[in-house]
Amino acid sequence: TRSVVGFIDYSGFTATFTPFSSLNADERYFIVVTGEVEDDAGNE
């Protein structure tokens, strides 16, 4: 697998990943949000 480079923004309850360039056509992409993300109270 190859990592996609992009910009991450967070607003409200939503995090958005915007790739720096267009994705490749007819390609499968995998997304992982790891268990280390935490809420405002520090709960992972």
PDB file of all heavy atoms in Angstrom:
ATOM      1  N   THR A   1       0.852  -1.189   0.000  1.00  0.00           N
ATOM      2  CA  THR A   1       0.000   0.000   0.000  1.00  0.00           C
ATOM      3  C   THR A   1       0.885   1.235   0.000  1.00  0.00           C
ATOM      4  O   THR A   1       2.022   1.210   0.470  1.00  0.00           O
ATOM      5  CB  THR A   1      -0.920   0.045   1.231  1.00  0.00           C
ATOM      6  OG1 THR A   1      -0.116  -0.011   2.415  1.00  0.00           O
ATOM      7  CG2 THR A   1      -1.911  -1.101   1.212  1.00  0.00           C
ATOM      8  N   ARG A   2       0.333   2.330  -0.553  1.00  0.00           N
ATOM      9  CA  ARG A   2       1.050   3.602  -0.578  1.00  0.00           C
ATOM     10  C   ARG A   2       0.210   4.645   0.135  1.00  0.00           C
ATOM     11  O   ARG A   2      -1.003   4.760  -0.100  1.00  0.00           O
ATOM     12  CB  ARG A   2       1.315   4.029  -2.026  1.00  0.00           C
ATOM     13  CG  ARG A   2       2.255   3.111  -2.796  1.00  0.00           C
ATOM     14  CD  ARG A   2       2.555   3.683  -4.172  1.00  0.00           C
ATOM     15  NE  ARG A   2       1.380   3.652  -5.033  1.00  0.00           N
ATOM     16  CZ  ARG A   2       1.137   2.697  -5.929  1.00  0.00           C
ATOM     17  NH1 ARG A   2       1.993   1.682  -6.050  1.00  0.00           N
ATOM     18  NH2 ARG A   2       0.065   2.733  -6.679  1.00  0.00           N
ATOM     19  N   SER A   3       0.858   5.422   0.980  1.00  0.00           N
ATOM     20  CA  SER A   3       0.141   6.463   1.718  1.00  0.00           C
ATOM     21  C   SER A   3      -0.222   7.616   0.797  1.00  0.00           C
ATOM     22  O   SER A   3       0.547   8.007  -0.082  1.00  0.00           O
ATOM     23  CB  SER A   3       0.997   6.988   2.879  1.00  0.00           C
ATOM     24  OG  SER A   3       1.210   5.986   3.838  1.00  0.00           O
ATOM     25  N   VAL A   4      -1.398   8.170   1.012  1.00  0.00           N
ATOM     26  CA  VAL A   4      -1.854   9.355   0.294  1.00  0.00           C
ATOM     27  C   VAL A   4      -1.568  10.566   1.169  1.00  0.00           C
ATOM     28  O   VAL A   4      -1.870  10.575   2.359  1.00  0.00           O
ATOM     29  CB  VAL A   4      -3.364   9.257  -0.023  1.00  0.00           C
ATOM     30  CG1 VAL A   4      -3.849  10.525  -0.712  1.00  0.00           C
ATOM     31  CG2 VAL A   4      -3.650   8.026  -0.873  1.00  0.00           C
ATOM     32  N   VAL A   5      -0.990  11.595   0.565  1.00  0.00           N
ATOM     33  CA  VAL A   5      -0.660  12.818   1.304  1.00  0.00           C
ATOM     34  C   VAL A   5      -1.812  13.804   1.159  1.00  0.00           C
ATOM     35  O   VAL A   5      -2.364  13.991   0.072  1.00  0.00           O
ATOM     36  CB  VAL A   5       0.650  13.432   0.779  1.00  0.00           C
ATOM     37  CG1 VAL A   5       0.995  14.698   1.547  1.00  0.00           C
ATOM     38  CG2 VAL A   5       1.786  12.422   0.873  1.00  0.00           C
ATOM     39  N   GLY A   6      -2.187  14.430   2.259  1.00  0.00           N
ATOM     40  CA  GLY A   6      -3.286  15.374   2.195  1.00  0.00           C
ATOM     41  C   GLY A   6      -3.365  16.254   3.426  1.00  0.00           C
ATOM     42  O   GLY A   6      -2.502  16.201   4.311  1.00  0.00           O
ATOM     43  N   PHE A   7      -4.404  17.080   3.462  1.00  0.00           N
ATOM     44  CA  PHE A   7      -4.627  18.037   4.548  1.00  0.00           C
ATOM     45  C   PHE A   7      -5.812  17.569   5.380  1.00  0.00           C
ATOM     46  O   PHE A   7      -6.844  17.174   4.835  1.00  0.00           O
ATOM     47  CB  PHE A   7      -4.914  19.424   3.964  1.00  0.00           C
ATOM     48  CG  PHE A   7      -5.339  20.436   4.977  1.00  0.00           C
ATOM     49  CD1 PHE A   7      -4.420  21.009   5.835  1.00  0.00           C
ATOM     50  CD2 PHE A   7      -6.670  20.815   5.072  1.00  0.00           C
ATOM     51  CE1 PHE A   7      -4.812  21.950   6.777  1.00  0.00           C
ATOM     52  CE2 PHE A   7      -7.074  21.756   6.008  1.00  0.00           C
ATOM     53  CZ  PHE A   7      -6.140  22.329   6.860  1.00  0.00           C
ATOM     54  N   ILE A   8      -5.680  17.622   6.701  1.00  0.00           N
ATOM     55  CA  ILE A   8      -6.746  17.189   7.605  1.00  0.00           C
ATOM     56  C   ILE A   8      -7.329  18.393   8.319  1.00  0.00           C
ATOM     57  O   ILE A   8      -6.598  19.205   8.897  1.00  0.00           O
ATOM     58  CB  ILE A   8      -6.216  16.164   8.626  1.00  0.00           C
ATOM     59  CG1 ILE A   8      -5.723  14.909   7.909  1.00  0.00           C
ATOM     60  CG2 ILE A   8      -7.314  15.788   9.626  1.00  0.00           C
ATOM     61  CD1 ILE A   8      -5.024  13.911   8.815  1.00  0.00           C
ATOM     62  N   ASP A   9      -8.653  18.502   8.278  1.00  0.00           N
ATOM     63  CA  ASP A   9      -9.361  19.593   8.950  1.00  0.00           C
ATOM     64  C   ASP A   9     -10.379  18.991   9.896  1.00  0.00           C
ATOM     65  O   ASP A   9     -10.971  17.944   9.606  1.00  0.00           O
ATOM     66  CB  ASP A   9     -10.049  20.497   7.916  1.00  0.00           C
ATOM     67  CG  ASP A   9     -10.797  21.640   8.562  1.00  0.00           C
ATOM     68  OD1 ASP A   9     -10.169  22.417   9.298  1.00  0.00           O
ATOM     69  OD2 ASP A   9     -12.020  21.754   8.341  1.00  0.00           O
ATOM     70  N   TYR A  10     -10.611  19.653  11.024  1.00  0.00           N
ATOM     71  CA  TYR A  10     -11.605  19.177  11.991  1.00  0.00           C
ATOM     72  C   TYR A  10     -12.559  20.305  12.319  1.00  0.00           C
ATOM     73  O   TYR A  10     -12.139  21.411  12.672  1.00  0.00           O
ATOM     74  CB  TYR A  10     -10.931  18.664  13.264  1.00  0.00           C
ATOM     75  CG  TYR A  10     -11.934  18.209  14.317  1.00  0.00           C
ATOM     76  CD1 TYR A  10     -12.620  17.015  14.162  1.00  0.00           C
ATOM     77  CD2 TYR A  10     -12.218  18.995  15.427  1.00  0.00           C
ATOM     78  CE1 TYR A  10     -13.555  16.600  15.106  1.00  0.00           C
ATOM     79  CE2 TYR A  10     -13.151  18.589  16.369  1.00  0.00           C
ATOM     80  CZ  TYR A  10     -13.809  17.396  16.203  1.00  0.00           C
ATOM     81  OH  TYR A  10     -14.744  16.992  17.130  1.00  0.00           O
ATOM     82  N   SER A  11     -13.872  20.044  12.211  1.00  0.00           N
ATOM     83  CA  SER A  11     -14.892  21.037  12.508  1.00  0.00           C
ATOM     84  C   SER A  11     -16.140  20.331  13.013  1.00  0.00           C
ATOM     85  O   SER A  11     -16.571  19.327  12.434  1.00  0.00           O
ATOM     86  CB  SER A  11     -15.224  21.857  11.250  1.00  0.00           C
ATOM     87  OG  SER A  11     -16.242  22.801  11.507  1.00  0.00           O
ATOM     88  N   GLY A  12     -16.733  20.884  14.093  1.00  0.00           N
ATOM     89  CA  GLY A  12     -17.894  20.225  14.675  1.00  0.00           C
ATOM     90  C   GLY A  12     -17.490  18.874  15.226  1.00  0.00           C
ATOM     91  O   GLY A  12     -16.600  18.778  16.069  1.00  0.00           O
ATOM     92  N   PHE A  13     -18.111  17.804  14.736  1.00  0.00           N
ATOM     93  CA  PHE A  13     -17.746  16.442  15.122  1.00  0.00           C
ATOM     94  C   PHE A  13     -17.052  15.707  13.972  1.00  0.00           C
ATOM     95  O   PHE A  13     -16.827  14.512  14.055  1.00  0.00           O
ATOM     96  CB  PHE A  13     -18.999  15.644  15.521  1.00  0.00           C
ATOM     97  CG  PHE A  13     -19.644  16.088  16.804  1.00  0.00           C
ATOM     98  CD1 PHE A  13     -20.790  15.447  17.262  1.00  0.00           C
ATOM     99  CD2 PHE A  13     -19.132  17.123  17.563  1.00  0.00           C
ATOM    100  CE1 PHE A  13     -21.409  15.832  18.445  1.00  0.00           C
ATOM    101  CE2 PHE A  13     -19.739  17.528  18.747  1.00  0.00           C
ATOM    102  CZ  PHE A  13     -20.871  16.878  19.187  1.00  0.00           C
ATOM    103  N   THR A  14     -16.713  16.422  12.895  1.00  0.00           N
ATOM    104  CA  THR A  14     -16.267  15.772  11.660  1.00  0.00           C
ATOM    105  C   THR A  14     -14.835  16.138  11.308  1.00  0.00           C
ATOM    106  O   THR A  14     -14.456  17.312  11.316  1.00  0.00           O
ATOM    107  CB  THR A  14     -17.189  16.153  10.488  1.00  0.00           C
ATOM    108  OG1 THR A  14     -18.524  15.719  10.787  1.00  0.00           O
ATOM    109  CG2 THR A  14     -16.734  15.498   9.190  1.00  0.00           C
ATOM    110  N   ALA A  15     -14.029  15.109  10.995  1.00  0.00           N
ATOM    111  CA  ALA A  15     -12.673  15.293  10.482  1.00  0.00           C
ATOM    112  C   ALA A  15     -12.682  14.985   8.986  1.00  0.00           C
ATOM    113  O   ALA A  15     -13.274  13.990   8.552  1.00  0.00           O
ATOM    114  CB  ALA A  15     -11.688  14.372  11.201  1.00  0.00           C
ATOM    115  N   THR A  16     -12.030  15.849   8.195  1.00  0.00           N
ATOM    116  CA  THR A  16     -12.034  15.703   6.743  1.00  0.00           C
ATOM    117  C   THR A  16     -10.608  15.658   6.213  1.00  0.00           C
ATOM    118  O   THR A  16      -9.777  16.496   6.560  1.00  0.00           O
ATOM    119  CB  THR A  16     -12.783  16.874   6.078  1.00  0.00           C
ATOM    120  OG1 THR A  16     -14.128  16.923   6.581  1.00  0.00           O
ATOM    121  CG2 THR A  16     -12.830  16.701   4.568  1.00  0.00           C
ATOM    122  N   PHE A  17     -10.337  14.663   5.379  1.00  0.00           N
ATOM    123  CA  PHE A  17      -9.041  14.501   4.724  1.00  0.00           C
ATOM    124  C   PHE A  17      -9.194  14.945   3.273  1.00  0.00           C
ATOM    125  O   PHE A  17     -10.011  14.390   2.528  1.00  0.00           O
ATOM    126  CB  PHE A  17      -8.593  13.045   4.792  1.00  0.00           C
ATOM    127  CG  PHE A  17      -7.254  12.763   4.171  1.00  0.00           C
ATOM    128  CD1 PHE A  17      -6.113  12.681   4.954  1.00  0.00           C
ATOM    129  CD2 PHE A  17      -7.132  12.575   2.795  1.00  0.00           C
ATOM    130  CE1 PHE A  17      -4.872  12.418   4.380  1.00  0.00           C
ATOM    131  CE2 PHE A  17      -5.901  12.309   2.216  1.00  0.00           C
ATOM    132  CZ  PHE A  17      -4.765  12.238   3.019  1.00  0.00           C
ATOM    133  N   THR A  18      -8.418  15.946   2.863  1.00  0.00           N
ATOM    134  CA  THR A  18      -8.441  16.432   1.485  1.00  0.00           C
ATOM    135  C   THR A  18      -7.108  16.112   0.834  1.00  0.00           C
ATOM    136  O   THR A  18      -6.078  16.686   1.224  1.00  0.00           O
ATOM    137  CB  THR A  18      -8.692  17.945   1.430  1.00  0.00           C
ATOM    138  OG1 THR A  18      -9.914  18.251   2.115  1.00  0.00           O
ATOM    139  CG2 THR A  18      -8.791  18.433  -0.007  1.00  0.00           C
ATOM    140  N   PRO A  19      -7.061  15.202  -0.135  1.00  0.00           N
ATOM    141  CA  PRO A  19      -5.786  14.872  -0.791  1.00  0.00           C
ATOM    142  C   PRO A  19      -5.180  16.088  -1.473  1.00  0.00           C
ATOM    143  O   PRO A  19      -5.899  16.956  -1.984  1.00  0.00           O
ATOM    144  CB  PRO A  19      -6.196  13.804  -1.812  1.00  0.00           C
ATOM    145  CG  PRO A  19      -7.490  13.248  -1.292  1.00  0.00           C
ATOM    146  CD  PRO A  19      -8.182  14.397  -0.631  1.00  0.00           C
ATOM    147  N   PHE A  20      -3.854  16.175  -1.472  1.00  0.00           N
ATOM    148  CA  PHE A  20      -3.172  17.281  -2.126  1.00  0.00           C
ATOM    149  C   PHE A  20      -3.346  17.226  -3.641  1.00  0.00           C
ATOM    150  O   PHE A  20      -3.236  18.247  -4.318  1.00  0.00           O
ATOM    151  CB  PHE A  20      -1.687  17.284  -1.773  1.00  0.00           C
ATOM    152  CG  PHE A  20      -1.410  17.755  -0.370  1.00  0.00           C
ATOM    153  CD1 PHE A  20      -0.245  17.385   0.276  1.00  0.00           C
ATOM    154  CD2 PHE A  20      -2.306  18.572   0.307  1.00  0.00           C
ATOM    155  CE1 PHE A  20       0.028  17.821   1.563  1.00  0.00           C
ATOM    156  CE2 PHE A  20      -2.047  19.013   1.593  1.00  0.00           C
ATOM    157  CZ  PHE A  20      -0.877  18.638   2.222  1.00  0.00           C
ATOM    158  N   SER A  21      -3.562  16.037  -4.194  1.00  0.00           N
ATOM    159  CA  SER A  21      -3.804  15.882  -5.629  1.00  0.00           C
ATOM    160  C   SER A  21      -4.913  14.850  -5.823  1.00  0.00           C
ATOM    161  O   SER A  21      -5.264  14.120  -4.904  1.00  0.00           O
ATOM    162  CB  SER A  21      -2.524  15.445  -6.360  1.00  0.00           C
ATOM    163  OG  SER A  21      -2.035  14.222  -5.847  1.00  0.00           O
ATOM    164  N   SER A  22      -5.460  14.803  -7.032  1.00  0.00           N
ATOM    165  CA  SER A  22      -6.565  13.888  -7.314  1.00  0.00           C
ATOM    166  C   SER A  22      -6.160  12.442  -7.053  1.00  0.00           C
ATOM    167  O   SER A  22      -5.001  12.055  -7.258  1.00  0.00           O
ATOM    168  CB  SER A  22      -7.012  14.033  -8.773  1.00  0.00           C
ATOM    169  OG  SER A  22      -7.489  15.335  -9.026  1.00  0.00           O
ATOM    170  N   LEU A  23      -7.116  11.640  -6.612  1.00  0.00           N
ATOM    171  CA  LEU A  23      -6.874  10.213  -6.453  1.00  0.00           C
ATOM    172  C   LEU A  23      -6.742   9.564  -7.823  1.00  0.00           C
ATOM    173  O   LEU A  23      -7.174  10.127  -8.841  1.00  0.00           O
ATOM    174  CB  LEU A  23      -8.036   9.576  -5.681  1.00  0.00           C
ATOM    175  CG  LEU A  23      -8.328  10.153  -4.285  1.00  0.00           C
ATOM    176  CD1 LEU A  23      -9.535   9.448  -3.671  1.00  0.00           C
ATOM    177  CD2 LEU A  23      -7.112  10.039  -3.373  1.00  0.00           C
ATOM    178  N   ASN A  24      -6.170   8.398  -7.873  1.00  0.00           N
ATOM    179  CA  ASN A  24      -6.048   7.661  -9.133  1.00  0.00           C
ATOM    180  C   ASN A  24      -7.375   7.022  -9.503  1.00  0.00           C
ATOM    181  O   ASN A  24      -8.151   6.605  -8.634  1.00  0.00           O
ATOM    182  CB  ASN A  24      -4.967   6.581  -9.030  1.00  0.00           C
ATOM    183  CG  ASN A  24      -3.574   7.170  -8.929  1.00  0.00           C
ATOM    184  OD1 ASN A  24      -3.300   8.221  -9.504  1.00  0.00           O
ATOM    185  ND2 ASN A  24      -2.700   6.498  -8.199  1.00  0.00           N
ATOM    186  N   ALA A  25      -7.633   6.939 -10.793  1.00  0.00           N
ATOM    187  CA  ALA A  25      -8.869   6.317 -11.272  1.00  0.00           C
ATOM    188  C   ALA A  25      -8.808   4.806 -11.092  1.00  0.00           C
ATOM    189  O   ALA A  25      -7.730   4.201 -11.131  1.00  0.00           O
ATOM    190  CB  ALA A  25      -9.093   6.662 -12.740  1.00  0.00           C
ATOM    191  N   ASP A  26      -9.974   4.212 -10.872  1.00  0.00           N
ATOM    192  CA  ASP A  26     -10.119   2.758 -10.770  1.00  0.00           C
ATOM    193  C   ASP A  26      -9.111   2.170  -9.781  1.00  0.00           C
ATOM    194  O   ASP A  26      -8.396   1.230 -10.080  1.00  0.00           O
ATOM    195  CB  ASP A  26      -9.972   2.116 -12.144  1.00  0.00           C
ATOM    196  CG  ASP A  26     -10.466   0.664 -12.144  1.00  0.00           C
ATOM    197  OD1 ASP A  26     -11.288   0.330 -11.270  1.00  0.00           O
ATOM    198  OD2 ASP A  26     -10.022  -0.111 -13.009  1.00  0.00           O
ATOM    199  N   GLU A  27      -9.057   2.755  -8.595  1.00  0.00           N
ATOM    200  CA  GLU A  27      -8.116   2.324  -7.570  1.00  0.00           C
ATOM    201  C   GLU A  27      -8.863   2.128  -6.253  1.00  0.00           C
ATOM    202  O   GLU A  27      -9.837   2.817  -5.955  1.00  0.00           O
ATOM    203  CB  GLU A  27      -7.028   3.377  -7.383  1.00  0.00           C
ATOM    204  CG  GLU A  27      -5.810   2.889  -6.638  1.00  0.00           C
ATOM    205  CD  GLU A  27      -4.976   1.937  -7.476  1.00  0.00           C
ATOM    206  OE1 GLU A  27      -4.306   2.398  -8.420  1.00  0.00           O
ATOM    207  OE2 GLU A  27      -5.014   0.722  -7.186  1.00  0.00           O
ATOM    208  N   ARG A  28      -8.404   1.157  -5.489  1.00  0.00           N
ATOM    209  CA  ARG A  28      -8.999   0.906  -4.187  1.00  0.00           C
ATOM    210  C   ARG A  28      -8.214   1.653  -3.115  1.00  0.00           C
ATOM    211  O   ARG A  28      -6.973   1.652  -3.122  1.00  0.00           O
ATOM    212  CB  ARG A  28      -8.991  -0.592  -3.882  1.00  0.00           C
ATOM    213  CG  ARG A  28      -9.810  -0.973  -2.651  1.00  0.00           C
ATOM    214  CD  ARG A  28      -9.758  -2.462  -2.409  1.00  0.00           C
ATOM    215  NE  ARG A  28     -10.563  -2.859  -1.259  1.00  0.00           N
ATOM    216  CZ  ARG A  28     -10.413  -4.003  -0.612  1.00  0.00           C
ATOM    217  NH1 ARG A  28      -9.497  -4.862  -1.004  1.00  0.00           N
ATOM    218  NH2 ARG A  28     -11.172  -4.296   0.413  1.00  0.00           N
ATOM    219  N   TYR A  29      -8.947   2.297  -2.201  1.00  0.00           N
ATOM    220  CA  TYR A  29      -8.326   3.071  -1.122  1.00  0.00           C
ATOM    221  C   TYR A  29      -8.815   2.551   0.225  1.00  0.00           C
ATOM    222  O   TYR A  29      -9.991   2.209   0.387  1.00  0.00           O
ATOM    223  CB  TYR A  29      -8.657   4.553  -1.265  1.00  0.00           C
ATOM    224  CG  TYR A  29      -7.912   5.198  -2.410  1.00  0.00           C
ATOM    225  CD1 TYR A  29      -8.424   5.158  -3.713  1.00  0.00           C
ATOM    226  CD2 TYR A  29      -6.684   5.813  -2.204  1.00  0.00           C
ATOM    227  CE1 TYR A  29      -7.733   5.720  -4.767  1.00  0.00           C
ATOM    228  CE2 TYR A  29      -5.981   6.375  -3.268  1.00  0.00           C
ATOM    229  CZ  TYR A  29      -6.510   6.331  -4.540  1.00  0.00           C
ATOM    230  OH  TYR A  29      -5.812   6.885  -5.590  1.00  0.00           O
ATOM    231  N   PHE A  30      -7.880   2.489   1.154  1.00  0.00           N
ATOM    232  CA  PHE A  30      -8.167   2.042   2.515  1.00  0.00           C
ATOM    233  C   PHE A  30      -7.973   3.227   3.465  1.00  0.00           C
ATOM    234  O   PHE A  30      -7.001   3.971   3.338  1.00  0.00           O
ATOM    235  CB  PHE A  30      -7.235   0.909   2.934  1.00  0.00           C
ATOM    236  CG  PHE A  30      -7.287  -0.307   2.050  1.00  0.00           C
ATOM    237  CD1 PHE A  30      -6.495  -0.400   0.914  1.00  0.00           C
ATOM    238  CD2 PHE A  30      -8.140  -1.356   2.361  1.00  0.00           C
ATOM    239  CE1 PHE A  30      -6.543  -1.519   0.100  1.00  0.00           C
ATOM    240  CE2 PHE A  30      -8.188  -2.481   1.555  1.00  0.00           C
ATOM    241  CZ  PHE A  30      -7.390  -2.566   0.422  1.00  0.00           C
ATOM    242  N   ILE A  31      -8.864   3.377   4.422  1.00  0.00           N
ATOM    243  CA  ILE A  31      -8.755   4.437   5.416  1.00  0.00           C
ATOM    244  C   ILE A  31      -8.725   3.817   6.798  1.00  0.00           C
ATOM    245  O   ILE A  31      -9.490   2.892   7.090  1.00  0.00           O
ATOM    246  CB  ILE A  31      -9.928   5.429   5.326  1.00  0.00           C
ATOM    247  CG1 ILE A  31     -10.051   6.000   3.908  1.00  0.00           C
ATOM    248  CG2 ILE A  31      -9.726   6.575   6.325  1.00  0.00           C
ATOM    249  CD1 ILE A  31     -10.977   5.252   3.015  1.00  0.00           C
ATOM    250  N   VAL A  32      -7.818   4.319   7.629  1.00  0.00           N
ATOM    251  CA  VAL A  32      -7.706   3.859   9.007  1.00  0.00           C
ATOM    252  C   VAL A  32      -7.723   5.071   9.930  1.00  0.00           C
ATOM    253  O   VAL A  32      -6.933   6.007   9.754  1.00  0.00           O
ATOM    254  CB  VAL A  32      -6.413   3.060   9.248  1.00  0.00           C
ATOM    255  CG1 VAL A  32      -6.319   2.650  10.718  1.00  0.00           C
ATOM    256  CG2 VAL A  32      -6.349   1.845   8.346  1.00  0.00           C
ATOM    257  N   VAL A  33      -8.654   5.069  10.886  1.00  0.00           N
ATOM    258  CA  VAL A  33      -8.626   6.021  11.994  1.00  0.00           C
ATOM    259  C   VAL A  33      -8.208   5.205  13.212  1.00  0.00           C
ATOM    260  O   VAL A  33      -8.910   4.278  13.617  1.00  0.00           O
ATOM    261  CB  VAL A  33      -9.990   6.687  12.220  1.00  0.00           C
ATOM    262  CG1 VAL A  33      -9.922   7.630  13.416  1.00  0.00           C
ATOM    263  CG2 VAL A  33     -10.424   7.441  10.970  1.00  0.00           C
ATOM    264  N   THR A  34      -7.050   5.517  13.756  1.00  0.00           N
ATOM    265  CA  THR A  34      -6.492   4.669  14.808  1.00  0.00           C
ATOM    266  C   THR A  34      -7.165   4.922  16.155  1.00  0.00           C
ATOM    267  O   THR A  34      -7.785   5.960  16.384  1.00  0.00           O
ATOM    268  CB  THR A  34      -4.975   4.886  14.953  1.00  0.00           C
ATOM    269  OG1 THR A  34      -4.736   6.174  15.529  1.00  0.00           O
ATOM    270  CG2 THR A  34      -4.289   4.786  13.598  1.00  0.00           C
ATOM    271  N   GLY A  35      -7.005   3.956  17.044  1.00  0.00           N
ATOM    272  CA  GLY A  35      -7.629   4.032  18.354  1.00  0.00           C
ATOM    273  C   GLY A  35      -7.059   5.104  19.250  1.00  0.00           C
ATOM    274  O   GLY A  35      -7.590   5.344  20.341  1.00  0.00           O
ATOM    275  N   GLU A  36      -5.983   5.801  18.814  1.00  0.00           N
ATOM    276  CA  GLU A  36      -5.375   6.848  19.637  1.00  0.00           C
ATOM    277  C   GLU A  36      -6.130   8.171  19.579  1.00  0.00           C
ATOM    278  O   GLU A  36      -5.852   9.081  20.368  1.00  0.00           O
ATOM    279  CB  GLU A  36      -3.917   7.079  19.226  1.00  0.00           C
ATOM    280  CG  GLU A  36      -2.953   6.008  19.697  1.00  0.00           C
ATOM    281  CD  GLU A  36      -2.969   4.770  18.819  1.00  0.00           C
ATOM    282  OE1 GLU A  36      -3.558   4.825  17.706  1.00  0.00           O
ATOM    283  OE2 GLU A  36      -2.406   3.749  19.230  1.00  0.00           O
ATOM    284  N   VAL A  37      -7.069   8.338  18.621  1.00  0.00           N
ATOM    285  CA  VAL A  37      -7.841   9.586  18.619  1.00  0.00           C
ATOM    286  C   VAL A  37      -8.639   9.665  19.915  1.00  0.00           C
ATOM    287  O   VAL A  37      -9.096   8.651  20.442  1.00  0.00           O
ATOM    288  CB  VAL A  37      -8.771   9.678  17.392  1.00  0.00           C
ATOM    289  CG1 VAL A  37      -7.974   9.729  16.107  1.00  0.00           C
ATOM    290  CG2 VAL A  37      -9.781   8.540  17.349  1.00  0.00           C
ATOM    291  N   GLU A  38      -8.805  10.879  20.438  1.00  0.00           N
ATOM    292  CA  GLU A  38      -9.452  11.019  21.738  1.00  0.00           C
ATOM    293  C   GLU A  38     -10.456  12.161  21.749  1.00  0.00           C
ATOM    294  O   GLU A  38     -10.367  13.110  20.959  1.00  0.00           O
ATOM    295  CB  GLU A  38      -8.413  11.232  22.822  1.00  0.00           C
ATOM    296  CG  GLU A  38      -7.563  12.477  22.661  1.00  0.00           C
ATOM    297  CD  GLU A  38      -6.519  12.627  23.742  1.00  0.00           C
ATOM    298  OE1 GLU A  38      -5.921  11.608  24.141  1.00  0.00           O
ATOM    299  OE2 GLU A  38      -6.288  13.776  24.172  1.00  0.00           O
ATOM    300  N   ASP A  39     -11.430  12.061  22.646  1.00  0.00           N
ATOM    301  CA  ASP A  39     -12.428  13.115  22.781  1.00  0.00           C
ATOM    302  C   ASP A  39     -11.887  14.252  23.654  1.00  0.00           C
ATOM    303  O   ASP A  39     -10.752  14.220  24.122  1.00  0.00           O
ATOM    304  CB  ASP A  39     -13.746  12.552  23.326  1.00  0.00           C
ATOM    305  CG  ASP A  39     -13.620  11.978  24.728  1.00  0.00           C
ATOM    306  OD1 ASP A  39     -12.652  12.298  25.433  1.00  0.00           O
ATOM    307  OD2 ASP A  39     -14.522  11.205  25.121  1.00  0.00           O
ATOM    308  N   ASP A  40     -12.739  15.268  23.870  1.00  0.00           N
ATOM    309  CA  ASP A  40     -12.323  16.439  24.642  1.00  0.00           C
ATOM    310  C   ASP A  40     -11.947  16.098  26.070  1.00  0.00           C
ATOM    311  O   ASP A  40     -11.185  16.822  26.715  1.00  0.00           O
ATOM    312  CB  ASP A  40     -13.445  17.480  24.657  1.00  0.00           C
ATOM    313  CG  ASP A  40     -13.381  18.396  23.444  1.00  0.00           C
ATOM    314  OD1 ASP A  40     -12.341  18.401  22.770  1.00  0.00           O
ATOM    315  OD2 ASP A  40     -14.371  19.103  23.172  1.00  0.00           O
ATOM    316  N   ALA A  41     -12.497  14.998  26.593  1.00  0.00           N
ATOM    317  CA  ALA A  41     -12.207  14.604  27.975  1.00  0.00           C
ATOM    318  C   ALA A  41     -10.973  13.711  28.066  1.00  0.00           C
ATOM    319  O   ALA A  41     -10.598  13.294  29.156  1.00  0.00           O
ATOM    320  CB  ALA A  41     -13.409  13.891  28.586  1.00  0.00           C
ATOM    321  N   GLY A  42     -10.344  13.402  26.934  1.00  0.00           N
ATOM    322  CA  GLY A  42      -9.130  12.586  26.935  1.00  0.00           C
ATOM    323  C   GLY A  42      -9.373  11.104  26.783  1.00  0.00           C
ATOM    324  O   GLY A  42      -8.430  10.305  26.901  1.00  0.00           O
ATOM    325  N   ASN A  43     -10.620  10.697  26.496  1.00  0.00           N
ATOM    326  CA  ASN A  43     -10.906   9.270  26.297  1.00  0.00           C
ATOM    327  C   ASN A  43     -10.536   8.859  24.878  1.00  0.00           C
ATOM    328  O   ASN A  43     -11.009   9.463  23.909  1.00  0.00           O
ATOM    329  CB  ASN A  43     -12.396   8.986  26.525  1.00  0.00           C
ATOM    330  CG  ASN A  43     -12.855   9.380  27.904  1.00  0.00           C
ATOM    331  OD1 ASN A  43     -12.321   8.919  28.902  1.00  0.00           O
ATOM    332  ND2 ASN A  43     -13.852  10.252  27.978  1.00  0.00           N
ATOM    333  N   GLU A  44      -9.697   7.837  24.735  1.00  0.00           N
ATOM    334  CA  GLU A  44      -9.323   7.341  23.422  1.00  0.00           C
ATOM    335  C   GLU A  44     -10.395   6.414  22.848  1.00  0.00           C
ATOM    336  O   GLU A  44     -11.170   5.811  23.588  1.00  0.00           O
ATOM    337  CB  GLU A  44      -7.990   6.596  23.498  1.00  0.00           C
ATOM    338  CG  GLU A  44      -6.811   7.483  23.831  1.00  0.00           C
ATOM    339  CD  GLU A  44      -5.494   6.751  23.724  1.00  0.00           C
ATOM    340  OE1 GLU A  44      -5.507   5.503  23.605  1.00  0.00           O
ATOM    341  OE2 GLU A  44      -4.445   7.419  23.743  1.00  0.00           O
TER     342      GLU A  44
END
